[in-house]
C-alpha atoms as a PDB file:
ATOM      1  CA  MET A   1     -17.454   9.181  20.847  1.00  0.00           C
ATOM      2  CA  PHE A   2     -13.747   8.779  21.672  1.00  0.00           C
ATOM      3  CA  GLY A   3     -14.824  12.857  22.772  1.00  0.00           C
ATOM      4  CA  LEU A   4     -13.889  13.483  18.778  1.00  0.00           C
ATOM      5  CA  GLY A   5     -14.743  16.050  16.328  1.00  0.00           C
ATOM      6  CA  PRO A   6     -16.766  15.402  13.026  1.00  0.00           C
ATOM      7  CA  GLU A   7     -13.578  16.588  11.267  1.00  0.00           C
ATOM      8  CA  GLU A   8     -11.225  14.109  13.220  1.00  0.00           C
ATOM      9  CA  TRP A   9     -13.971  11.420  12.360  1.00  0.00           C
ATOM     10  CA  MET A  10     -13.521  12.510   8.581  1.00  0.00           C
ATOM     11  CA  ALA A  11      -9.887  11.868   8.570  1.00  0.00           C
ATOM     12  CA  VAL A  12     -10.061   8.423  10.018  1.00  0.00           C
ATOM     13  CA  GLY A  13     -12.990   7.457   7.509  1.00  0.00           C
ATOM     14  CA  LEU A  14     -10.505   8.854   4.834  1.00  0.00           C
ATOM     15  CA  SER A  15      -7.535   7.083   5.977  1.00  0.00           C
ATOM     16  CA  LEU A  16      -9.286   4.167   5.998  1.00  0.00           C
ATOM     17  CA  LYS A  17     -10.355   4.291   2.110  1.00  0.00           C
ATOM     18  CA  VAL A  18      -7.343   5.435   1.234  1.00  0.00           C
ATOM     19  CA  ALA A  19      -5.346   2.585   2.570  1.00  0.00           C
ATOM     20  CA  PHE A  20      -8.278   0.020   1.310  1.00  0.00           C
ATOM     21  CA  VAL A  21      -8.092   1.724  -1.844  1.00  0.00           C
ATOM     22  CA  ALA A  22      -4.144   1.402  -2.520  1.00  0.00           C
ATOM     23  CA  THR A  23      -4.083  -2.069  -0.791  1.00  0.00           C
ATOM     24  CA  ALA A  24      -6.940  -3.316  -3.461  1.00  0.00           C
ATOM     25  CA  ILE A  25      -5.606  -1.305  -6.668  1.00  0.00           C
ATOM     26  CA  SER A  26      -1.656  -2.623  -5.536  1.00  0.00           C
ATOM     27  CA  LEU A  27      -2.078  -6.094  -4.725  1.00  0.00           C
ATOM     28  CA  PRO A  28      -2.485  -7.178  -8.407  1.00  0.00           C
ATOM     29  CA  PHE A  29       0.737  -5.723  -9.830  1.00  0.00           C
ATOM     30  CA  ALA A  30       2.726  -6.913  -7.140  1.00  0.00           C
ATOM     31  CA  ILE A  31       1.675 -10.438  -7.197  1.00  0.00           C
ATOM     32  CA  TRP A  32       2.583 -10.025 -10.655  1.00  0.00           C
ATOM     33  CA  ILE A  33       6.441  -8.033  -9.766  1.00  0.00           C
ATOM     34  CA  ALA A  34       6.505 -10.879  -6.927  1.00  0.00           C
ATOM     35  CA  HIS A  35       6.236 -13.529  -9.137  1.00  0.00           C
ATOM     36  CA  LEU A  36       8.539 -12.170 -12.158  1.00  0.00           C
ATOM     37  CA  LEU A  37      11.869 -11.516  -9.338  1.00  0.00           C
ATOM     38  CA  ALA A  38      10.854 -14.631  -7.730  1.00  0.00           C
ATOM     39  CA  ARG A  39      10.438 -16.914 -11.008  1.00  0.00           C
ATOM     40  CA  ARG A  40      12.104 -15.101 -14.031  1.00  0.00           C
ATOM     41  CA  GLU A  41      15.302 -14.450 -15.057  1.00  0.00           C
ATOM     42  CA  PHE A  42      15.956 -11.173 -17.884  1.00  0.00           C
ATOM     43  CA  VAL A  43      17.799  -8.305 -17.965  1.00  0.00           C
ATOM     44  CA  GLY A  44      17.017  -5.627 -15.606  1.00  0.00           C
ATOM     45  CA  LYS A  45      16.207  -7.724 -12.762  1.00  0.00           C
ATOM     46  CA  GLN A  46      18.261  -6.339 -10.556  1.00  0.00           C
ATOM     47  CA  MET A  47      17.169  -2.432 -11.550  1.00  0.00           C
ATOM     48  CA  LEU A  48      13.144  -3.447 -11.022  1.00  0.00           C
ATOM     49  CA  ASN A  49      13.867  -5.118  -7.906  1.00  0.00           C
ATOM     50  CA  ALA A  50      15.686  -1.745  -7.113  1.00  0.00           C
ATOM     51  CA  ILE A  51      13.236   0.319  -8.581  1.00  0.00           C
ATOM     52  CA  VAL A  52      10.149  -1.471  -6.525  1.00  0.00           C
ATOM     53  CA  HIS A  53      12.479  -0.917  -2.988  1.00  0.00           C
ATOM     54  CA  LEU A  54      13.595   2.869  -3.830  1.00  0.00           C
ATOM     55  CA  PRO A  55      10.214   3.952  -1.516  1.00  0.00           C
ATOM     56  CA  LEU A  56      12.277   2.210   1.077  1.00  0.00           C
ATOM     57  CA  ILE A  57      14.975   3.585   1.004  1.00  0.00           C
ATOM     58  CA  LEU A  58      14.270   7.303   0.269  1.00  0.00           C
ATOM     59  CA  PRO A  59      13.051   9.795   2.439  1.00  0.00           C
ATOM     60  CA  PRO A  60       9.085  10.211   2.019  1.00  0.00           C
ATOM     61  CA  VAL A  61       8.949  13.636   1.299  1.00  0.00           C
ATOM     62  CA  VAL A  62      11.443  13.115  -1.170  1.00  0.00           C
ATOM     63  CA  THR A  63       9.003  10.372  -2.845  1.00  0.00           C
ATOM     64  CA  GLY A  64       6.194  12.962  -2.525  1.00  0.00           C
ATOM     65  CA  TYR A  65       8.429  15.610  -4.316  1.00  0.00           C
ATOM     66  CA  LEU A  66       8.792  13.511  -7.061  1.00  0.00           C
ATOM     67  CA  LEU A  67       5.149  12.623  -7.265  1.00  0.00           C
ATOM     68  CA  LEU A  68       4.315  16.181  -7.339  1.00  0.00           C
ATOM     69  CA  LEU A  69       7.498  16.721 -10.085  1.00  0.00           C
ATOM     70  CA  SER A  70       5.332  14.168 -11.897  1.00  0.00           C
ATOM     71  CA  PHE A  71       1.751  14.023 -11.579  1.00  0.00           C
ATOM     72  CA  GLY A  72       1.177  17.717 -10.835  1.00  0.00           C
ATOM     73  CA  THR A  73      -1.026  19.731 -12.821  1.00  0.00           C
ATOM     74  CA  GLN A  74       2.061  21.112 -14.762  1.00  0.00           C
ATOM     75  CA  GLY A  75       4.507  17.491 -14.618  1.00  0.00           C
ATOM     76  CA  LEU A  76       4.859  15.085 -17.934  1.00  0.00           C
ATOM     77  CA  ILE A  77       2.232  12.727 -16.125  1.00  0.00           C
ATOM     78  CA  GLY A  78      -0.285  14.898 -14.203  1.00  0.00           C
ATOM     79  CA  GLY A  79      -0.366  17.414 -17.304  1.00  0.00           C
ATOM     80  CA  PHE A  80      -1.199  14.677 -19.182  1.00  0.00           C
ATOM     81  CA  LEU A  81      -4.006  13.475 -17.324  1.00  0.00           C
ATOM     82  CA  ALA A  82      -5.111  16.545 -16.866  1.00  0.00           C
ATOM     83  CA  LYS A  83      -6.290  16.995 -20.400  1.00  0.00           C
ATOM     84  CA  PHE A  84      -8.674  14.343 -19.160  1.00  0.00           C
ATOM     85  CA  GLY A  85     -10.161  16.072 -16.193  1.00  0.00           C
ATOM     86  CA  ILE A  86      -8.112  13.785 -13.740  1.00  0.00           C
ATOM     87  CA  VAL A  87      -6.413  15.433 -11.467  1.00  0.00           C
ATOM     88  CA  LEU A  88      -4.431  13.836  -8.285  1.00  0.00           C
ATOM     89  CA  ALA A  89      -2.244  16.583  -6.695  1.00  0.00           C
ATOM     90  CA  PHE A  90      -3.853  17.781  -3.666  1.00  0.00           C
ATOM     91  CA  ARG A  91      -6.903  15.335  -3.919  1.00  0.00           C
ATOM     92  CA  TRP A  92      -7.796  11.871  -1.864  1.00  0.00           C
ATOM     93  CA  THR A  93      -6.617  10.175  -5.078  1.00  0.00           C
ATOM     94  CA  GLY A  94      -2.999  11.747  -5.061  1.00  0.00           C
ATOM     95  CA  ALA A  95      -3.020  10.570  -1.455  1.00  0.00           C
ATOM     96  CA  VAL A  96      -4.094   6.726  -2.743  1.00  0.00           C
ATOM     97  CA  LEU A  97      -1.191   6.920  -5.463  1.00  0.00           C
ATOM     98  CA  ALA A  98       1.012   8.097  -2.748  1.00  0.00           C
ATOM     99  CA  ALA A  99       0.184   5.406  -0.352  1.00  0.00           C
ATOM    100  CA  ALA A 100       0.311   2.835  -2.908  1.00  0.00           C
ATOM    101  CA  ILE A 101       4.050   3.772  -4.174  1.00  0.00           C
ATOM    102  CA  MET A 102       5.049   3.831  -0.489  1.00  0.00           C
ATOM    103  CA  ALA A 103       3.499   0.477   0.573  1.00  0.00           C
ATOM    104  CA  PHE A 104       4.071  -1.014  -2.449  1.00  0.00           C
ATOM    105  CA  PRO A 105       8.287  -2.653  -1.497  1.00  0.00           C
ATOM    106  CA  LEU A 106       6.546  -4.445   1.807  1.00  0.00           C
ATOM    107  CA  MET A 107       3.749  -6.108  -0.537  1.00  0.00           C
ATOM    108  CA  VAL A 108       5.951  -7.248  -3.229  1.00  0.00           C
ATOM    109  CA  ARG A 109       8.765  -8.560  -0.739  1.00  0.00           C
ATOM    110  CA  ALA A 110       6.277 -10.218   1.608  1.00  0.00           C
ATOM    111  CA  ILE A 111       4.522 -12.273  -1.165  1.00  0.00           C
ATOM    112  CA  ARG A 112       8.022 -13.231  -3.533  1.00  0.00           C
ATOM    113  CA  LEU A 113       8.878 -14.673  -0.081  1.00  0.00           C
ATOM    114  CA  GLY A 114       5.581 -16.847  -0.492  1.00  0.00           C
ATOM    115  CA  ILE A 115       6.735 -17.464  -4.172  1.00  0.00           C
ATOM    116  CA  GLU A 116       9.661 -18.359  -3.476  1.00  0.00           C
ATOM    117  CA  ALA A 117       8.702 -20.768  -0.649  1.00  0.00           C
ATOM    118  CA  VAL A 118       6.921 -22.977  -2.771  1.00  0.00           C
ATOM    119  CA  ASP A 119       8.407 -26.023  -4.364  1.00  0.00           C
ATOM    120  CA  PRO A 120       9.397 -25.210  -8.045  1.00  0.00           C
ATOM    121  CA  LYS A 121       9.370 -29.291  -8.694  1.00  0.00           C
ATOM    122  CA  LEU A 122       5.468 -28.888  -7.807  1.00  0.00           C
ATOM    123  CA  GLU A 123       4.974 -26.215 -10.814  1.00  0.00           C
ATOM    124  CA  GLN A 124       7.056 -27.915 -13.250  1.00  0.00           C
ATOM    125  CA  ALA A 125       4.897 -31.456 -12.286  1.00  0.00           C
ATOM    126  CA  ALA A 126       1.624 -29.237 -13.091  1.00  0.00           C
ATOM    127  CA  ASN A 127       3.267 -28.136 -16.148  1.00  0.00           C
ATOM    128  CA  THR A 128       4.270 -31.816 -17.578  1.00  0.00           C
ATOM    129  CA  LEU A 129       0.862 -32.239 -16.910  1.00  0.00           C
ATOM    130  CA  GLY A 130      -0.073 -30.361 -19.522  1.00  0.00           C
ATOM    131  CA  ALA A 131      -1.199 -26.976 -17.779  1.00  0.00           C
ATOM    132  CA  SER A 132      -0.335 -23.363 -18.933  1.00  0.00           C
ATOM    133  CA  PRO A 133       1.968 -21.546 -17.342  1.00  0.00           C
ATOM    134  CA  LEU A 134      -1.155 -19.342 -15.894  1.00  0.00           C
ATOM    135  CA  LYS A 135      -3.157 -22.588 -14.763  1.00  0.00           C
ATOM    136  CA  VAL A 136       0.171 -23.614 -12.965  1.00  0.00           C
ATOM    137  CA  PHE A 137       0.172 -20.116 -11.246  1.00  0.00           C
ATOM    138  CA  THR A 138      -3.766 -20.222 -10.360  1.00  0.00           C
ATOM    139  CA  THR A 139      -3.964 -24.100  -9.005  1.00  0.00           C
ATOM    140  CA  VAL A 140      -0.593 -24.388  -7.824  1.00  0.00           C
ATOM    141  CA  THR A 141       2.056 -21.320  -7.050  1.00  0.00           C
ATOM    142  CA  LEU A 142      -1.226 -19.301  -5.634  1.00  0.00           C
ATOM    143  CA  PRO A 143      -3.065 -20.991  -3.303  1.00  0.00           C
ATOM    144  CA  MET A 144       0.464 -22.103  -1.958  1.00  0.00           C
ATOM    145  CA  CYS A 145       1.565 -18.871  -1.302  1.00  0.00           C
ATOM    146  CA  LEU A 146      -1.993 -16.986  -0.119  1.00  0.00           C
ATOM    147  CA  PRO A 147      -0.688 -17.036   3.316  1.00  0.00           C
ATOM    148  CA  ALA A 148       2.161 -14.424   1.976  1.00  0.00           C
ATOM    149  CA  ILE A 149      -0.117 -12.718  -0.031  1.00  0.00           C
ATOM    150  CA  VAL A 150      -2.990 -11.635   3.355  1.00  0.00           C
ATOM    151  CA  ALA A 151       0.662 -10.539   5.154  1.00  0.00           C
ATOM    152  CA  GLY A 152       1.752  -8.788   1.989  1.00  0.00           C
ATOM    153  CA  SER A 153      -1.579  -6.757   2.214  1.00  0.00           C
ATOM    154  CA  VAL A 154      -2.015  -6.266   5.891  1.00  0.00           C
ATOM    155  CA  LEU A 155       1.218  -4.930   5.810  1.00  0.00           C
ATOM    156  CA  ALA A 156       0.607  -2.309   2.919  1.00  0.00           C
ATOM    157  CA  PHE A 157      -2.673  -1.480   4.740  1.00  0.00           C
ATOM    158  CA  ALA A 158      -0.613  -0.860   7.713  1.00  0.00           C
ATOM    159  CA  LYS A 159       1.514   1.382   5.690  1.00  0.00           C
ATOM    160  CA  ALA A 160      -0.864   2.921   4.109  1.00  0.00           C
ATOM    161  CA  MET A 161      -2.762   3.791   6.876  1.00  0.00           C
ATOM    162  CA  GLY A 162       0.664   5.620   8.522  1.00  0.00           C
ATOM    163  CA  GLU A 163       1.891   7.367   5.426  1.00  0.00           C
ATOM    164  CA  PHE A 164       2.608  10.701   6.314  1.00  0.00           C
ATOM    165  CA  GLY A 165       5.814  12.445   4.076  1.00  0.00           C
ATOM    166  CA  ALA A 166       4.943  11.458   0.939  1.00  0.00           C
ATOM    167  CA  THR A 167       1.321  11.944   1.438  1.00  0.00           C
ATOM    168  CA  ILE A 168       1.640  15.604   3.114  1.00  0.00           C
ATOM    169  CA  THR A 169       4.025  16.474  -0.023  1.00  0.00           C
ATOM    170  CA  PHE A 170       2.103  15.366  -2.520  1.00  0.00           C
ATOM    171  CA  VAL A 171      -1.263  16.237  -1.684  1.00  0.00           C
ATOM    172  CA  ALA A 172      -1.454  18.923   1.462  1.00  0.00           C
ATOM    173  CA  SER A 173      -3.443  18.174   4.442  1.00  0.00           C
ATOM    174  CA  ILE A 174      -6.932  19.815   2.886  1.00  0.00           C
ATOM    175  CA  PRO A 175      -9.806  19.169   5.573  1.00  0.00           C
ATOM    176  CA  GLY A 176     -11.967  16.814   4.286  1.00  0.00           C
ATOM    177  CA  GLU A 177     -10.208  16.196   0.893  1.00  0.00           C
ATOM    178  CA  THR A 178      -6.683  15.240   1.978  1.00  0.00           C
ATOM    179  CA  ARG A 179      -6.480  15.320   5.806  1.00  0.00           C
ATOM    180  CA  THR A 180      -5.602  11.805   6.670  1.00  0.00           C
ATOM    181  CA  LEU A 181      -5.207  10.229  10.258  1.00  0.00           C
ATOM    182  CA  PRO A 182      -1.453  10.656  10.549  1.00  0.00           C
ATOM    183  CA  SER A 183      -1.693  14.243   9.165  1.00  0.00           C
ATOM    184  CA  ALA A 184      -4.621  15.674  11.170  1.00  0.00           C
ATOM    185  CA  ILE A 185      -2.639  14.344  14.570  1.00  0.00           C
ATOM    186  CA  TYR A 186       0.373  16.359  13.190  1.00  0.00           C
ATOM    187  CA  ALA A 187      -2.166  18.908  12.443  1.00  0.00           C
ATOM    188  CA  LEU A 188      -3.584  19.166  16.287  1.00  0.00           C
ATOM    189  CA  LEU A 189      -0.043  19.033  17.664  1.00  0.00           C
ATOM    190  CA  GLN A 190       0.650  22.180  16.212  1.00  0.00           C
ATOM    191  CA  ILE A 191      -2.705  23.613  18.220  1.00  0.00           C
ATOM    192  CA  PRO A 192      -2.063  24.831  22.062  1.00  0.00           C
ATOM    193  CA  GLY A 193      -4.488  22.494  24.003  1.00  0.00           C
ATOM    194  CA  ALA A 194      -5.453  20.014  20.959  1.00  0.00           C
ATOM    195  CA  GLU A 195      -2.979  17.133  22.648  1.00  0.00           C
ATOM    196  CA  GLY A 196      -6.348  15.032  23.752  1.00  0.00           C
ATOM    197  CA  PRO A 197      -7.847  14.801  20.541  1.00  0.00           C
ATOM    198  CA  ALA A 198      -4.108  13.984  19.127  1.00  0.00           C
ATOM    199  CA  ILE A 199      -3.703  11.427  22.040  1.00  0.00           C
ATOM    200  CA  ARG A 200      -7.496   9.886  20.963  1.00  0.00           C
ATOM    201  CA  LEU A 201      -6.596  10.080  17.297  1.00  0.00           C
ATOM    202  CA  THR A 202      -3.465   8.258  18.204  1.00  0.00           C
ATOM    203  CA  ILE A 203      -5.341   5.463  20.261  1.00  0.00           C
ATOM    204  CA  ILE A 204      -7.630   4.970  17.478  1.00  0.00           C
ATOM    205  CA  ALA A 205      -4.664   4.508  14.670  1.00  0.00           C
ATOM    206  CA  VAL A 206      -2.879   1.831  17.433  1.00  0.00           C
ATOM    207  CA  ILE A 207      -6.916  -0.115  17.520  1.00  0.00           C
ATOM    208  CA  ILE A 208      -6.953  -0.386  14.166  1.00  0.00           C
ATOM    209  CA  ALA A 209      -3.138  -1.389  13.493  1.00  0.00           C
ATOM    210  CA  VAL A 210      -4.347  -4.006  15.926  1.00  0.00           C
ATOM    211  CA  ALA A 211      -7.505  -5.249  14.211  1.00  0.00           C
ATOM    212  CA  ALA A 212      -5.715  -5.061  11.421  1.00  0.00           C
ATOM    213  CA  LEU A 213      -2.702  -7.437  12.848  1.00  0.00           C
ATOM    214  CA  LEU A 214      -5.502  -9.996  14.036  1.00  0.00           C
ATOM    215  CA  THR A 215      -7.547 -10.521  11.166  1.00  0.00           C
ATOM    216  CA  SER A 216      -4.063 -10.816   9.055  1.00  0.00           C
ATOM    217  CA  GLU A 217      -2.945 -13.863  11.859  1.00  0.00           C
ATOM    218  CA  TRP A 218      -7.104 -15.334  11.418  1.00  0.00           C
ATOM    219  CA  LEU A 219      -7.124 -14.934   7.384  1.00  0.00           C
ATOM    220  CA  ALA A 220      -3.628 -16.407   7.395  1.00  0.00           C
ATOM    221  CA  ARG A 221      -4.689 -19.890   9.730  1.00  0.00           C
ATOM    222  CA  ARG A 222      -7.782 -20.274   7.333  1.00  0.00           C
ATOM    223  CA  ALA A 223      -6.023 -19.877   4.264  1.00  0.00           C
ATOM    224  CA  VAL A 224      -3.136 -22.452   5.614  1.00  0.00           C
ATOM    225  CA  ARG A 225      -5.828 -25.095   6.827  1.00  0.00           C
ATOM    226  CA  ARG A 226      -7.176 -24.698   3.187  1.00  0.00           C
END
């Protein structure tokens, strides 16, 4: 199918797995951070906002190198995790971490805008009626910003699918282990005469992106109707 070999299809499958896991793991934290930034005032709020958006500003290679310094086996966090047999550098789980960090700002920003669009008076009314802050959030805020959550999740998924710089710096491009779709395309472009498979992988990437966007629109419309 598409004239691709097992190694190329493995890269496609790995990219889908990495993007899905990165999005699923990031979502609860993104909702929490977005709610903090949208509804709370606290010391260090602007600093937190800057840290969250830092991966959008830094070159991806710099982010990958910082991950390598922090989560590599010789790093402060990575060295500690290695004592328990948890290794992220040069593993597919490290690709998940890199993709999640690069996609996190997009998810937070979309969800924050959705929360800010919810009329605070509705939350105040629920609170006045005796609802706890958690119940107000789960029964009023969360349902009303669901389209924004869907949009943020799809943006994060698409970003994770296309992540290259931080991933290749942190986990390299090991066939069958960390070679994702973008790194597979890059590897093929380094081989004379391999433009055909590279183009076919590019077409697959476009198809996945379009499918994700169409799914996002469908889910968002359903959320609005509900």
